[in-house]
């Protein structure tokens, strides 16, 4: 990954994490989806924002360590692709449940 594009990957990853949290909040809070592994999120859907903040703290840690370990940029890219797939799956499930 080009060094100039790496910060954009970290930013996109952070935004996708919050969008994933929004989809989870909608699914758990309004549709009664209980496939979320974290029990406290099922009991209190607003707790998903704490999980998203913790994930983004990890993203910030990766970004701060990337100068010493350049391969972390590829880790961030893999996480970005993973969250994109998760969000696509979440949107598809919400659309199927709404129909």
PDB file of N, CA and C in Angstrom:
ATOM      1  N   UNK A   1       0.851  -1.172   0.000  1.00  0.00           N
ATOM      2  CA  UNK A   1       0.000   0.000   0.000  1.00  0.00           C
ATOM      3  C   UNK A   1       0.895   1.232   0.000  1.00  0.00           C
ATOM      4  N   UNK A   2       0.605   2.196  -0.867  1.00  0.00           N
ATOM      5  CA  UNK A   2       1.405   3.426  -0.854  1.00  0.00           C
ATOM      6  C   UNK A   2       1.305   4.132   0.494  1.00  0.00           C
ATOM      7  N   UNK A   3       2.407   4.707   0.924  1.00  0.00           N
ATOM      8  CA  UNK A   3       2.449   5.346   2.244  1.00  0.00           C
ATOM      9  C   UNK A   3       1.455   6.502   2.350  1.00  0.00           C
ATOM     10  N   UNK A   4       1.185   7.178   1.246  1.00  0.00           N
ATOM     11  CA  UNK A   4       0.262   8.313   1.292  1.00  0.00           C
ATOM     12  C   UNK A   4      -1.193   7.861   1.447  1.00  0.00           C
ATOM     13  N   UNK A   5      -1.509   6.657   0.986  1.00  0.00           N
ATOM     14  CA  UNK A   5      -2.884   6.161   1.064  1.00  0.00           C
ATOM     15  C   UNK A   5      -3.201   5.528   2.411  1.00  0.00           C
ATOM     16  N   UNK A   6      -2.191   5.201   3.183  1.00  0.00           N
ATOM     17  CA  UNK A   6      -2.408   4.506   4.450  1.00  0.00           C
ATOM     18  C   UNK A   6      -3.274   5.297   5.437  1.00  0.00           C
ATOM     19  N   UNK A   7      -3.041   6.601   5.637  1.00  0.00           N
ATOM     20  CA  UNK A   7      -3.917   7.324   6.572  1.00  0.00           C
ATOM     21  C   UNK A   7      -5.388   7.312   6.152  1.00  0.00           C
ATOM     22  N   UNK A   8      -5.638   7.307   4.852  1.00  0.00           N
ATOM     23  CA  UNK A   8      -7.021   7.219   4.377  1.00  0.00           C
ATOM     24  C   UNK A   8      -7.632   5.871   4.720  1.00  0.00           C
ATOM     25  N   UNK A   9      -6.822   4.820   4.672  1.00  0.00           N
ATOM     26  CA  UNK A   9      -7.318   3.493   5.046  1.00  0.00           C
ATOM     27  C   UNK A   9      -7.696   3.456   6.518  1.00  0.00           C
ATOM     28  N   UNK A  10      -6.879   4.070   7.367  1.00  0.00           N
ATOM     29  CA  UNK A  10      -7.195   4.108   8.797  1.00  0.00           C
ATOM     30  C   UNK A  10      -8.457   4.930   9.062  1.00  0.00           C
ATOM     31  N   UNK A  11      -8.608   6.033   8.372  1.00  0.00           N
ATOM     32  CA  UNK A  11      -9.802   6.864   8.530  1.00  0.00           C
ATOM     33  C   UNK A  11     -11.048   6.115   8.065  1.00  0.00           C
ATOM     34  N   UNK A  12     -10.943   5.466   6.914  1.00  0.00           N
ATOM     35  CA  UNK A  12     -12.080   4.699   6.405  1.00  0.00           C
ATOM     36  C   UNK A  12     -12.435   3.559   7.356  1.00  0.00           C
ATOM     37  N   UNK A  13     -11.425   2.913   7.921  1.00  0.00           N
ATOM     38  CA  UNK A  13     -11.671   1.839   8.882  1.00  0.00           C
ATOM     39  C   UNK A  13     -12.417   2.363  10.102  1.00  0.00           C
ATOM     40  N   UNK A  14     -11.994   3.502  10.621  1.00  0.00           N
ATOM     41  CA  UNK A  14     -12.673   4.081  11.790  1.00  0.00           C
ATOM     42  C   UNK A  14     -14.128   4.418  11.468  1.00  0.00           C
ATOM     43  N   UNK A  15     -14.376   4.962  10.293  1.00  0.00           N
ATOM     44  CA  UNK A  15     -15.748   5.294   9.907  1.00  0.00           C
ATOM     45  C   UNK A  15     -16.594   4.044   9.711  1.00  0.00           C
ATOM     46  N   UNK A  16     -16.008   2.999   9.123  1.00  0.00           N
ATOM     47  CA  UNK A  16     -16.746   1.750   8.942  1.00  0.00           C
ATOM     48  C   UNK A  16     -17.080   1.102  10.279  1.00  0.00           C
ATOM     49  N   UNK A  17     -16.195   1.231  11.255  1.00  0.00           N
ATOM     50  CA  UNK A  17     -16.474   0.673  12.582  1.00  0.00           C
ATOM     51  C   UNK A  17     -17.697   1.349  13.182  1.00  0.00           C
ATOM     52  N   UNK A  18     -17.788   2.661  13.056  1.00  0.00           N
ATOM     53  CA  UNK A  18     -18.957   3.355  13.593  1.00  0.00           C
ATOM     54  C   UNK A  18     -20.224   3.037  12.795  1.00  0.00           C
ATOM     55  N   UNK A  19     -20.106   2.858  11.484  1.00  0.00           N
ATOM     56  CA  UNK A  19     -21.272   2.487  10.685  1.00  0.00           C
ATOM     57  C   UNK A  19     -21.733   1.080  11.045  1.00  0.00           C
ATOM     58  N   UNK A  20     -20.781   0.175  11.280  1.00  0.00           N
ATOM     59  CA  UNK A  20     -21.109  -1.177  11.727  1.00  0.00           C
ATOM     60  C   UNK A  20     -21.819  -1.121  13.078  1.00  0.00           C
ATOM     61  N   UNK A  21     -21.368  -0.250  13.961  1.00  0.00           N
ATOM     62  CA  UNK A  21     -22.024  -0.096  15.263  1.00  0.00           C
ATOM     63  C   UNK A  21     -23.458   0.406  15.089  1.00  0.00           C
ATOM     64  N   UNK A  22     -23.662   1.316  14.152  1.00  0.00           N
ATOM     65  CA  UNK A  22     -25.009   1.821  13.894  1.00  0.00           C
ATOM     66  C   UNK A  22     -25.930   0.705  13.413  1.00  0.00           C
ATOM     67  N   UNK A  23     -25.451  -0.120  12.487  1.00  0.00           N
ATOM     68  CA  UNK A  23     -26.256  -1.245  12.005  1.00  0.00           C
ATOM     69  C   UNK A  23     -26.559  -2.225  13.129  1.00  0.00           C
ATOM     70  N   UNK A  24     -25.574  -2.492  13.978  1.00  0.00           N
ATOM     71  CA  UNK A  24     -25.792  -3.403  15.102  1.00  0.00           C
ATOM     72  C   UNK A  24     -26.810  -2.820  16.065  1.00  0.00           C
ATOM     73  N   UNK A  25     -26.716  -1.529  16.326  1.00  0.00           N
ATOM     74  CA  UNK A  25     -27.671  -0.868  17.222  1.00  0.00           C
ATOM     75  C   UNK A  25     -29.091  -0.978  16.670  1.00  0.00           C
ATOM     76  N   UNK A  26     -29.241  -0.779  15.377  1.00  0.00           N
ATOM     77  CA  UNK A  26     -30.562  -0.888  14.758  1.00  0.00           C
ATOM     78  C   UNK A  26     -31.072  -2.318  14.854  1.00  0.00           C
ATOM     79  N   UNK A  27     -30.212  -3.285  14.544  1.00  0.00           N
ATOM     80  CA  UNK A  27     -30.629  -4.685  14.537  1.00  0.00           C
ATOM     81  C   UNK A  27     -30.997  -5.174  15.937  1.00  0.00           C
ATOM     82  N   UNK A  28     -30.177  -4.878  16.915  1.00  0.00           N
ATOM     83  CA  UNK A  28     -30.429  -5.363  18.275  1.00  0.00           C
ATOM     84  C   UNK A  28     -31.546  -4.569  18.933  1.00  0.00           C
ATOM     85  N   UNK A  29     -31.510  -3.259  18.773  1.00  0.00           N
ATOM     86  CA  UNK A  29     -32.472  -2.422  19.470  1.00  0.00           C
ATOM     87  C   UNK A  29     -33.881  -2.478  18.917  1.00  0.00           C
ATOM     88  N   UNK A  30     -34.026  -2.712  17.624  1.00  0.00           N
ATOM     89  CA  UNK A  30     -35.349  -2.598  17.024  1.00  0.00           C
ATOM     90  C   UNK A  30     -35.848  -3.890  16.391  1.00  0.00           C
ATOM     91  N   UNK A  31     -34.966  -4.730  15.919  1.00  0.00           N
ATOM     92  CA  UNK A  31     -35.408  -5.957  15.264  1.00  0.00           C
ATOM     93  C   UNK A  31     -35.295  -7.175  16.168  1.00  0.00           C
ATOM     94  N   UNK A  32     -34.688  -7.020  17.342  1.00  0.00           N
ATOM     95  CA  UNK A  32     -34.569  -8.139  18.264  1.00  0.00           C
ATOM     96  C   UNK A  32     -33.567  -9.189  17.828  1.00  0.00           C
ATOM     97  N   UNK A  33     -32.539  -8.794  17.105  1.00  0.00           N
ATOM     98  CA  UNK A  33     -31.518  -9.748  16.663  1.00  0.00           C
ATOM     99  C   UNK A  33     -30.606 -10.076  17.834  1.00  0.00           C
ATOM    100  N   UNK A  34     -30.476 -11.351  18.142  1.00  0.00           N
ATOM    101  CA  UNK A  34     -29.675 -11.764  19.295  1.00  0.00           C
ATOM    102  C   UNK A  34     -28.420 -12.519  18.889  1.00  0.00           C
ATOM    103  N   UNK A  35     -27.958 -12.331  17.674  1.00  0.00           N
ATOM    104  CA  UNK A  35     -26.743 -13.022  17.262  1.00  0.00           C
ATOM    105  C   UNK A  35     -25.477 -12.291  17.688  1.00  0.00           C
ATOM    106  N   UNK A  36     -25.613 -11.166  18.350  1.00  0.00           N
ATOM    107  CA  UNK A  36     -24.442 -10.438  18.834  1.00  0.00           C
ATOM    108  C   UNK A  36     -23.820 -11.238  19.970  1.00  0.00           C
ATOM    109  N   UNK A  37     -22.517 -11.450  19.898  1.00  0.00           N
ATOM    110  CA  UNK A  37     -21.824 -12.307  20.856  1.00  0.00           C
ATOM    111  C   UNK A  37     -21.753 -11.671  22.239  1.00  0.00           C
ATOM    112  N   UNK A  38     -21.594 -10.375  22.301  1.00  0.00           N
ATOM    113  CA  UNK A  38     -21.440  -9.702  23.587  1.00  0.00           C
ATOM    114  C   UNK A  38     -22.796  -9.577  24.283  1.00  0.00           C
ATOM    115  N   UNK A  39     -22.945 -10.264  25.402  1.00  0.00           N
ATOM    116  CA  UNK A  39     -24.230 -10.314  26.100  1.00  0.00           C
ATOM    117  C   UNK A  39     -24.703  -8.924  26.549  1.00  0.00           C
ATOM    118  N   UNK A  40     -23.775  -8.092  27.012  1.00  0.00           N
ATOM    119  CA  UNK A  40     -24.197  -6.778  27.499  1.00  0.00           C
ATOM    120  C   UNK A  40     -24.712  -5.886  26.378  1.00  0.00           C
ATOM    121  N   UNK A  41     -24.313  -6.161  25.136  1.00  0.00           N
ATOM    122  CA  UNK A  41     -24.856  -5.401  24.007  1.00  0.00           C
ATOM    123  C   UNK A  41     -26.294  -5.835  23.735  1.00  0.00           C
ATOM    124  N   UNK A  42     -26.568  -7.135  23.883  1.00  0.00           N
ATOM    125  CA  UNK A  42     -27.943  -7.602  23.711  1.00  0.00           C
ATOM    126  C   UNK A  42     -28.868  -7.022  24.776  1.00  0.00           C
ATOM    127  N   UNK A  43     -28.360  -6.855  25.994  1.00  0.00           N
ATOM    128  CA  UNK A  43     -29.192  -6.341  27.081  1.00  0.00           C
ATOM    129  C   UNK A  43     -29.313  -4.817  27.030  1.00  0.00           C
ATOM    130  N   UNK A  44     -28.267  -4.150  26.594  1.00  0.00           N
ATOM    131  CA  UNK A  44     -28.265  -2.690  26.493  1.00  0.00           C
ATOM    132  C   UNK A  44     -27.685  -2.303  25.130  1.00  0.00           C
ATOM    133  N   UNK A  45     -28.535  -2.165  24.104  1.00  0.00           N
ATOM    134  CA  UNK A  45     -28.023  -1.905  22.754  1.00  0.00           C
ATOM    135  C   UNK A  45     -27.136  -0.666  22.636  1.00  0.00           C
ATOM    136  N   UNK A  46     -27.335   0.325  23.476  1.00  0.00           N
ATOM    137  CA  UNK A  46     -26.503   1.526  23.366  1.00  0.00           C
ATOM    138  C   UNK A  46     -25.056   1.259  23.770  1.00  0.00           C
ATOM    139  N   UNK A  47     -24.777   0.122  24.394  1.00  0.00           N
ATOM    140  CA  UNK A  47     -23.405  -0.226  24.767  1.00  0.00           C
ATOM    141  C   UNK A  47     -22.529  -0.508  23.545  1.00  0.00           C
ATOM    142  N   UNK A  48     -23.153  -0.672  22.374  1.00  0.00           N
ATOM    143  CA  UNK A  48     -22.364  -0.933  21.167  1.00  0.00           C
ATOM    144  C   UNK A  48     -21.437   0.235  20.863  1.00  0.00           C
ATOM    145  N   UNK A  49     -21.795   1.442  21.298  1.00  0.00           N
ATOM    146  CA  UNK A  49     -20.936   2.601  21.050  1.00  0.00           C
ATOM    147  C   UNK A  49     -19.648   2.502  21.857  1.00  0.00           C
ATOM    148  N   UNK A  50     -19.706   1.881  23.037  1.00  0.00           N
ATOM    149  CA  UNK A  50     -18.480   1.644  23.807  1.00  0.00           C
ATOM    150  C   UNK A  50     -17.582   0.649  23.090  1.00  0.00           C
ATOM    151  N   UNK A  51     -18.194  -0.376  22.508  1.00  0.00           N
ATOM    152  CA  UNK A  51     -17.424  -1.366  21.746  1.00  0.00           C
ATOM    153  C   UNK A  51     -16.768  -0.697  20.542  1.00  0.00           C
ATOM    154  N   UNK A  52     -17.502   0.157  19.848  1.00  0.00           N
ATOM    155  CA  UNK A  52     -16.942   0.862  18.692  1.00  0.00           C
ATOM    156  C   UNK A  52     -15.803   1.782  19.109  1.00  0.00           C
ATOM    157  N   UNK A  53     -15.946   2.449  20.245  1.00  0.00           N
ATOM    158  CA  UNK A  53     -14.867   3.318  20.727  1.00  0.00           C
ATOM    159  C   UNK A  53     -13.625   2.504  21.075  1.00  0.00           C
ATOM    160  N   UNK A  54     -13.814   1.325  21.657  1.00  0.00           N
ATOM    161  CA  UNK A  54     -12.669   0.463  21.975  1.00  0.00           C
ATOM    162  C   UNK A  54     -11.987  -0.032  20.700  1.00  0.00           C
ATOM    163  N   UNK A  55     -12.787  -0.391  19.698  1.00  0.00           N
ATOM    164  CA  UNK A  55     -12.200  -0.813  18.416  1.00  0.00           C
ATOM    165  C   UNK A  55     -11.396   0.323  17.789  1.00  0.00           C
ATOM    166  N   UNK A  56     -11.942   1.531  17.834  1.00  0.00           N
ATOM    167  CA  UNK A  56     -11.235   2.662  17.234  1.00  0.00           C
ATOM    168  C   UNK A  56     -10.008   3.057  18.039  1.00  0.00           C
ATOM    169  N   UNK A  57      -9.992   2.759  19.324  1.00  0.00           N
ATOM    170  CA  UNK A  57      -8.761   2.948  20.097  1.00  0.00           C
ATOM    171  C   UNK A  57      -7.683   2.007  19.573  1.00  0.00           C
ATOM    172  N   UNK A  58      -8.076   0.795  19.202  1.00  0.00           N
ATOM    173  CA  UNK A  58      -7.132  -0.140  18.588  1.00  0.00           C
ATOM    174  C   UNK A  58      -6.643   0.351  17.236  1.00  0.00           C
ATOM    175  N   UNK A  59      -7.538   0.945  16.454  1.00  0.00           N
ATOM    176  CA  UNK A  59      -7.142   1.513  15.158  1.00  0.00           C
ATOM    177  C   UNK A  59      -6.140   2.647  15.363  1.00  0.00           C
ATOM    178  N   UNK A  60      -6.389   3.494  16.340  1.00  0.00           N
ATOM    179  CA  UNK A  60      -5.452   4.578  16.643  1.00  0.00           C
ATOM    180  C   UNK A  60      -4.095   4.024  17.071  1.00  0.00           C
ATOM    181  N   UNK A  61      -4.095   2.959  17.867  1.00  0.00           N
ATOM    182  CA  UNK A  61      -2.845   2.326  18.285  1.00  0.00           C
ATOM    183  C   UNK A  61      -2.077   1.798  17.071  1.00  0.00           C
ATOM    184  N   UNK A  62      -2.796   1.131  16.147  1.00  0.00           N
ATOM    185  CA  UNK A  62      -2.143   0.647  14.924  1.00  0.00           C
ATOM    186  C   UNK A  62      -1.547   1.804  14.135  1.00  0.00           C
ATOM    187  N   UNK A  63      -2.287   2.898  14.040  1.00  0.00           N
ATOM    188  CA  UNK A  63      -1.809   4.043  13.268  1.00  0.00           C
ATOM    189  C   UNK A  63      -0.569   4.662  13.899  1.00  0.00           C
ATOM    190  N   UNK A  64      -0.539   4.711  15.223  1.00  0.00           N
ATOM    191  CA  UNK A  64       0.626   5.287  15.899  1.00  0.00           C
ATOM    192  C   UNK A  64       1.859   4.394  15.789  1.00  0.00           C
ATOM    193  N   UNK A  65       1.666   3.093  15.652  1.00  0.00           N
ATOM    194  CA  UNK A  65       2.788   2.153  15.567  1.00  0.00           C
ATOM    195  C   UNK A  65       3.224   1.861  14.136  1.00  0.00           C
ATOM    196  N   UNK A  66       2.540   2.434  13.149  1.00  0.00           N
ATOM    197  CA  UNK A  66       2.816   2.075  11.756  1.00  0.00           C
ATOM    198  C   UNK A  66       4.177   2.537  11.263  1.00  0.00           C
ATOM    199  N   UNK A  67       4.741   3.559  11.863  1.00  0.00           N
ATOM    200  CA  UNK A  67       6.051   4.034  11.418  1.00  0.00           C
ATOM    201  C   UNK A  67       7.138   3.009  11.747  1.00  0.00           C
ATOM    202  N   UNK A  68       6.997   2.370  12.901  1.00  0.00           N
ATOM    203  CA  UNK A  68       7.975   1.363  13.310  1.00  0.00           C
ATOM    204  C   UNK A  68       7.732   0.027  12.607  1.00  0.00           C
ATOM    205  N   UNK A  69       6.468  -0.292  12.372  1.00  0.00           N
ATOM    206  CA  UNK A  69       6.099  -1.568  11.751  1.00  0.00           C
ATOM    207  C   UNK A  69       5.256  -1.287  10.504  1.00  0.00           C
ATOM    208  N   UNK A  70       5.878  -1.153   9.340  1.00  0.00           N
ATOM    209  CA  UNK A  70       5.127  -0.790   8.132  1.00  0.00           C
ATOM    210  C   UNK A  70       4.078  -1.826   7.714  1.00  0.00           C
ATOM    211  N   UNK A  71       4.247  -3.078   8.126  1.00  0.00           N
ATOM    212  CA  UNK A  71       3.282  -4.107   7.754  1.00  0.00           C
ATOM    213  C   UNK A  71       1.920  -3.882   8.421  1.00  0.00           C
ATOM    214  N   UNK A  72       1.849  -3.017   9.422  1.00  0.00           N
ATOM    215  CA  UNK A  72       0.564  -2.732  10.059  1.00  0.00           C
ATOM    216  C   UNK A  72      -0.408  -2.056   9.095  1.00  0.00           C
ATOM    217  N   UNK A  73       0.121  -1.393   8.064  1.00  0.00           N
ATOM    218  CA  UNK A  73      -0.763  -0.807   7.051  1.00  0.00           C
ATOM    219  C   UNK A  73      -1.575  -1.895   6.356  1.00  0.00           C
ATOM    220  N   UNK A  74      -0.956  -3.043   6.107  1.00  0.00           N
ATOM    221  CA  UNK A  74      -1.673  -4.152   5.477  1.00  0.00           C
ATOM    222  C   UNK A  74      -2.688  -4.767   6.437  1.00  0.00           C
ATOM    223  N   UNK A  75      -2.376  -4.749   7.717  1.00  0.00           N
ATOM    224  CA  UNK A  75      -3.336  -5.206   8.722  1.00  0.00           C
ATOM    225  C   UNK A  75      -4.559  -4.298   8.724  1.00  0.00           C
ATOM    226  N   UNK A  76      -4.333  -3.002   8.662  1.00  0.00           N
ATOM    227  CA  UNK A  76      -5.453  -2.056   8.617  1.00  0.00           C
ATOM    228  C   UNK A  76      -6.277  -2.248   7.348  1.00  0.00           C
ATOM    229  N   UNK A  77      -5.610  -2.516   6.230  1.00  0.00           N
ATOM    230  CA  UNK A  77      -6.331  -2.752   4.983  1.00  0.00           C
ATOM    231  C   UNK A  77      -7.175  -4.020   5.079  1.00  0.00           C
ATOM    232  N   UNK A  78      -6.630  -5.067   5.688  1.00  0.00           N
ATOM    233  CA  UNK A  78      -7.395  -6.303   5.871  1.00  0.00           C
ATOM    234  C   UNK A  78      -8.608  -6.064   6.772  1.00  0.00           C
ATOM    235  N   UNK A  79      -8.422  -5.303   7.841  1.00  0.00           N
ATOM    236  CA  UNK A  79      -9.547  -4.976   8.719  1.00  0.00           C
ATOM    237  C   UNK A  79     -10.586  -4.122   7.999  1.00  0.00           C
ATOM    238  N   UNK A  80     -10.125  -3.239   7.137  1.00  0.00           N
ATOM    239  CA  UNK A  80     -11.033  -2.408   6.346  1.00  0.00           C
ATOM    240  C   UNK A  80     -11.900  -3.279   5.438  1.00  0.00           C
ATOM    241  N   UNK A  81     -11.280  -4.229   4.749  1.00  0.00           N
ATOM    242  CA  UNK A  81     -12.030  -5.127   3.870  1.00  0.00           C
ATOM    243  C   UNK A  81     -12.983  -6.002   4.672  1.00  0.00           C
ATOM    244  N   UNK A  82     -12.533  -6.460   5.846  1.00  0.00           N
ATOM    245  CA  UNK A  82     -13.387  -7.284   6.705  1.00  0.00           C
ATOM    246  C   UNK A  82     -14.633  -6.498   7.127  1.00  0.00           C
ATOM    247  N   UNK A  83     -14.456  -5.278   7.582  1.00  0.00           N
ATOM    248  CA  UNK A  83     -15.602  -4.490   8.026  1.00  0.00           C
ATOM    249  C   UNK A  83     -16.517  -4.126   6.854  1.00  0.00           C
ATOM    250  N   UNK A  84     -15.957  -3.938   5.673  1.00  0.00           N
ATOM    251  CA  UNK A  84     -16.802  -3.679   4.503  1.00  0.00           C
ATOM    252  C   UNK A  84     -17.694  -4.890   4.220  1.00  0.00           C
ATOM    253  N   UNK A  85     -17.136  -6.094   4.337  1.00  0.00           N
ATOM    254  CA  UNK A  85     -17.929  -7.308   4.129  1.00  0.00           C
ATOM    255  C   UNK A  85     -18.987  -7.471   5.219  1.00  0.00           C
ATOM    256  N   UNK A  86     -18.626  -7.165   6.450  1.00  0.00           N
ATOM    257  CA  UNK A  86     -19.580  -7.265   7.564  1.00  0.00           C
ATOM    258  C   UNK A  86     -20.734  -6.282   7.367  1.00  0.00           C
ATOM    259  N   UNK A  87     -20.420  -5.085   6.942  1.00  0.00           N
ATOM    260  CA  UNK A  87     -21.467  -4.076   6.725  1.00  0.00           C
ATOM    261  C   UNK A  87     -22.369  -4.480   5.565  1.00  0.00           C
ATOM    262  N   UNK A  88     -21.784  -5.006   4.499  1.00  0.00           N
ATOM    263  CA  UNK A  88     -22.596  -5.483   3.375  1.00  0.00           C
ATOM    264  C   UNK A  88     -23.549  -6.576   3.842  1.00  0.00           C
ATOM    265  N   UNK A  89     -23.032  -7.509   4.635  1.00  0.00           N
ATOM    266  CA  UNK A  89     -23.862  -8.589   5.159  1.00  0.00           C
ATOM    267  C   UNK A  89     -24.960  -8.038   6.070  1.00  0.00           C
ATOM    268  N   UNK A  90     -24.623  -7.070   6.909  1.00  0.00           N
ATOM    269  CA  UNK A  90     -25.619  -6.483   7.803  1.00  0.00           C
ATOM    270  C   UNK A  90     -26.727  -5.771   7.055  1.00  0.00           C
ATOM    271  N   UNK A  91     -26.359  -5.040   6.019  1.00  0.00           N
ATOM    272  CA  UNK A  91     -27.372  -4.342   5.216  1.00  0.00           C
ATOM    273  C   UNK A  91     -28.267  -5.351   4.508  1.00  0.00           C
ATOM    274  N   UNK A  92     -27.668  -6.426   3.994  1.00  0.00           N
ATOM    275  CA  UNK A  92     -28.463  -7.458   3.325  1.00  0.00           C
ATOM    276  C   UNK A  92     -29.431  -8.125   4.297  1.00  0.00           C
ATOM    277  N   UNK A  93     -28.979  -8.396   5.522  1.00  0.00           N
ATOM    278  CA  UNK A  93     -29.864  -9.014   6.514  1.00  0.00           C
ATOM    279  C   UNK A  93     -30.974  -8.060   6.942  1.00  0.00           C
ATOM    280  N   UNK A  94     -30.638  -6.793   7.130  1.00  0.00           N
ATOM    281  CA  UNK A  94     -31.674  -5.825   7.496  1.00  0.00           C
ATOM    282  C   UNK A  94     -32.696  -5.665   6.373  1.00  0.00           C
ATOM    283  N   UNK A  95     -32.231  -5.661   5.132  1.00  0.00           N
ATOM    284  CA  UNK A  95     -33.145  -5.529   3.998  1.00  0.00           C
ATOM    285  C   UNK A  95     -34.037  -6.761   3.877  1.00  0.00           C
ATOM    286  N   UNK A  96     -33.479  -7.944   4.119  1.00  0.00           N
ATOM    287  CA  UNK A  96     -34.274  -9.169   4.037  1.00  0.00           C
ATOM    288  C   UNK A  96     -35.298  -9.227   5.171  1.00  0.00           C
ATOM    289  N   UNK A  97     -34.917  -8.728   6.346  1.00  0.00           N
ATOM    290  CA  UNK A  97     -35.845  -8.728   7.479  1.00  0.00           C
ATOM    291  C   UNK A  97     -36.943  -7.697   7.339  1.00  0.00           C
ATOM    292  N   UNK A  98     -36.668  -6.649   6.610  1.00  0.00           N
ATOM    293  CA  UNK A  98     -37.650  -5.577   6.449  1.00  0.00           C
ATOM    294  C   UNK A  98     -38.676  -5.902   5.370  1.00  0.00           C
ATOM    295  N   UNK A  99     -38.347  -6.842   4.489  1.00  0.00           N
ATOM    296  CA  UNK A  99     -39.268  -7.159   3.385  1.00  0.00           C
ATOM    297  C   UNK A  99     -40.331  -8.134   3.795  1.00  0.00           C
TER     298      UNK A  99
END
